[in-house]
Amino acid sequence: MNTQTGISLDVAHAIQLALAPAFLLTAIAGLLNVMAGRLARIVDRGRFLVESPLAATTISADKRVIELISLERRRRIASAAITACTLAALLVCTVIAMLFLEALLELPFKWVEGLIFTGASLSLVVGLAFFLHEVRLANQTVRIETEWAIRKEPDAP
């Protein structure tokens, strides 16, 4: 076997090995899209509460402050989730690059790749845990007003 064929086979093998992490990147991108959407809604609600006059909303000043505190907490948690998942994506990209460097330069990176991929997995777990926590907080703090749906009995003559 000549050197050119050996390198071609090594690169082909690296491409095969890089497919699973590439699919993982696609999944992480989808998660980041959902998380960024939630963060945007949190920020929009916070801006609405801060910028709208008190008379323009049906929320009392005390409830507004409580909701703003809750939104700030959720914003910090959502940001942490996005940061952890972005770190996971960066680490997966590093693993993919190292797979190709290993094939092209014939360097022994297997243990480093395994270590970095483990870090990516742990970072993803942390990001998902933060995301779950933010969703749980949102469900605890959201109160759907149903008073409008309950009709009062008409006054009897």
Protein backbone atom coordinates (compact mmCIF):
# COMPACT_ATOMS: atom_id res chain seq x y z
CA MET A 1 0.00 0.00 0.00
CA ASN A 2 1.41 3.37 -0.92
CA THR A 3 1.38 6.40 1.35
CA GLN A 4 -1.25 8.25 -0.71
CA THR A 5 -3.74 5.36 -0.40
CA GLY A 6 -3.01 5.05 3.32
CA ILE A 7 -3.72 8.73 3.90
CA SER A 8 -6.90 8.51 1.82
CA LEU A 9 -8.14 5.57 3.88
CA ASP A 10 -7.24 7.37 7.11
CA VAL A 11 -9.14 10.48 6.02
CA ALA A 12 -12.13 8.37 4.94
CA HIS A 13 -12.08 6.70 8.36
CA ALA A 14 -11.87 10.12 10.06
CA ILE A 15 -14.91 11.26 8.08
CA GLN A 16 -16.82 8.18 9.23
CA LEU A 17 -15.83 8.84 12.84
CA ALA A 18 -16.80 12.52 12.54
CA LEU A 19 -20.36 11.77 11.41
CA ALA A 20 -21.75 10.99 14.88
CA PRO A 21 -20.33 14.17 16.44
CA ALA A 22 -21.64 16.15 13.45
CA PHE A 23 -25.15 14.84 14.13
CA LEU A 24 -24.69 15.73 17.78
CA LEU A 25 -23.84 19.28 16.66
CA THR A 26 -27.12 19.42 14.75
CA ALA A 27 -29.02 18.36 17.86
CA ILE A 28 -27.23 20.91 20.03
CA ALA A 29 -28.02 23.63 17.46
CA GLY A 30 -31.71 22.75 17.72
CA LEU A 31 -31.54 22.93 21.52
CA LEU A 32 -29.77 26.28 21.35
CA ASN A 33 -32.50 27.57 19.05
CA VAL A 34 -35.20 26.60 21.57
CA MET A 35 -33.21 28.04 24.48
CA ALA A 36 -32.55 31.31 22.66
CA GLY A 37 -36.26 31.59 21.87
CA ARG A 38 -37.14 31.17 25.54
CA LEU A 39 -34.52 33.73 26.54
CA ALA A 40 -35.92 36.19 24.00
CA ARG A 41 -39.43 35.77 25.42
CA ILE A 42 -38.13 36.33 28.95
CA VAL A 43 -36.32 39.51 27.89
CA ASP A 44 -39.35 40.76 25.93
CA ARG A 45 -41.66 40.23 28.91
CA GLY A 46 -39.19 42.00 31.20
CA ARG A 47 -38.93 44.95 28.82
CA PHE A 48 -42.71 45.15 28.58
CA LEU A 49 -43.07 45.26 32.35
CA VAL A 50 -40.32 47.88 32.75
CA GLU A 51 -41.26 50.13 29.83
CA SER A 52 -45.05 50.13 29.98
CA PRO A 53 -46.79 52.58 32.28
CA LEU A 54 -48.31 51.04 35.38
CA ALA A 55 -51.77 52.21 34.32
CA ALA A 56 -51.46 50.42 30.97
CA THR A 57 -51.24 46.97 32.59
CA THR A 58 -53.60 45.10 34.84
CA ILE A 59 -50.72 44.06 37.11
CA SER A 60 -50.25 45.82 40.44
CA ALA A 61 -46.89 47.37 41.26
CA ASP A 62 -46.11 44.64 43.82
CA LYS A 63 -46.91 41.83 41.39
CA ARG A 64 -44.84 43.57 38.73
CA VAL A 65 -41.77 43.64 41.00
CA ILE A 66 -42.24 39.97 41.92
CA GLU A 67 -42.54 39.01 38.26
CA LEU A 68 -39.47 41.05 37.32
CA ILE A 69 -37.43 39.30 40.02
CA SER A 70 -38.64 35.93 38.71
CA LEU A 71 -37.84 36.91 35.11
CA GLU A 72 -34.32 37.99 36.09
CA ARG A 73 -33.71 34.66 37.79
CA ARG A 74 -35.04 32.77 34.77
CA ARG A 75 -32.89 34.94 32.46
CA ARG A 76 -29.73 34.05 34.36
CA ILE A 77 -30.57 30.33 34.31
CA ALA A 78 -31.45 30.38 30.60
CA SER A 79 -28.17 32.19 29.87
CA ALA A 80 -26.25 29.55 31.83
CA ALA A 81 -28.00 26.80 29.85
CA ILE A 82 -27.07 28.49 26.57
CA THR A 83 -23.47 28.94 27.71
CA ALA A 84 -23.11 25.28 28.72
CA CYS A 85 -24.65 23.98 25.48
CA THR A 86 -22.50 26.33 23.41
CA LEU A 87 -19.42 25.05 25.23
CA ALA A 88 -20.56 21.50 24.42
CA ALA A 89 -20.85 22.41 20.73
CA LEU A 90 -17.38 24.00 20.75
CA LEU A 91 -15.88 20.90 22.36
CA VAL A 92 -17.58 18.64 19.80
CA CYS A 93 -16.12 20.80 17.02
CA THR A 94 -12.72 20.40 18.63
CA VAL A 95 -13.11 16.62 18.64
CA ILE A 96 -14.03 16.65 14.94
CA ALA A 97 -10.98 18.79 14.12
CA MET A 98 -8.75 16.50 16.17
CA LEU A 99 -10.06 13.44 14.34
CA PHE A 100 -8.87 14.94 11.07
CA LEU A 101 -5.56 16.13 12.52
CA GLU A 102 -4.96 12.65 13.86
CA ALA A 103 -5.62 11.12 10.43
CA LEU A 104 -3.59 13.64 8.45
CA LEU A 105 -0.62 14.11 10.77
CA GLU A 106 -0.69 10.60 12.25
CA LEU A 107 -0.70 11.94 15.79
CA PRO A 108 -1.92 9.91 18.80
CA PHE A 109 -4.88 12.05 19.94
CA LYS A 110 -7.31 9.27 20.91
CA TRP A 111 -7.14 9.82 24.67
CA VAL A 112 -7.40 13.61 24.26
CA GLU A 113 -10.37 13.20 21.91
CA GLY A 114 -12.06 10.94 24.44
CA LEU A 115 -11.41 13.41 27.24
CA ILE A 116 -12.74 16.37 25.23
CA PHE A 117 -15.81 14.41 24.10
CA THR A 118 -16.51 13.48 27.72
CA GLY A 119 -16.26 17.17 28.59
CA ALA A 120 -18.70 17.98 25.79
CA SER A 121 -21.15 15.39 27.09
CA LEU A 122 -20.91 16.71 30.65
CA SER A 123 -21.35 20.28 29.44
CA LEU A 124 -24.44 19.23 27.51
CA VAL A 125 -25.84 17.54 30.63
CA VAL A 126 -25.27 20.73 32.63
CA GLY A 127 -26.94 22.83 29.93
CA LEU A 128 -29.95 20.53 29.80
CA ALA A 129 -30.22 20.57 33.61
CA PHE A 130 -30.25 24.38 33.60
CA PHE A 131 -32.84 24.33 30.82
CA LEU A 132 -35.05 21.94 32.78
CA HIS A 133 -34.71 24.14 35.86
CA GLU A 134 -35.73 27.24 33.89
CA VAL A 135 -38.77 25.47 32.43
CA ARG A 136 -39.76 24.29 35.91
CA LEU A 137 -39.46 27.83 37.28
CA ALA A 138 -41.54 29.17 34.39
CA ASN A 139 -44.27 26.64 35.10
CA GLN A 140 -44.29 27.53 38.80
CA THR A 141 -44.50 31.28 38.27
CA VAL A 142 -46.99 31.43 35.42
CA ARG A 143 -50.55 31.94 36.55
CA ILE A 144 -53.18 31.80 33.87
CA GLU A 145 -55.97 34.16 34.76
CA THR A 146 -59.29 32.39 34.32
CA GLU A 147 -61.57 34.93 35.94
CA TRP A 148 -62.67 36.22 32.52
CA ALA A 149 -63.91 32.73 31.66
CA ILE A 150 -66.16 32.46 34.68
CA ARG A 151 -69.45 34.21 34.04
CA LYS A 152 -71.28 35.85 36.84
CA GLU A 153 -74.91 35.05 37.36
CA PRO A 154 -77.13 37.78 35.94
CA ASP A 155 -78.79 39.88 38.61
CA ALA A 156 -82.29 38.75 39.39
CA PRO A 157 -84.98 41.42 39.19
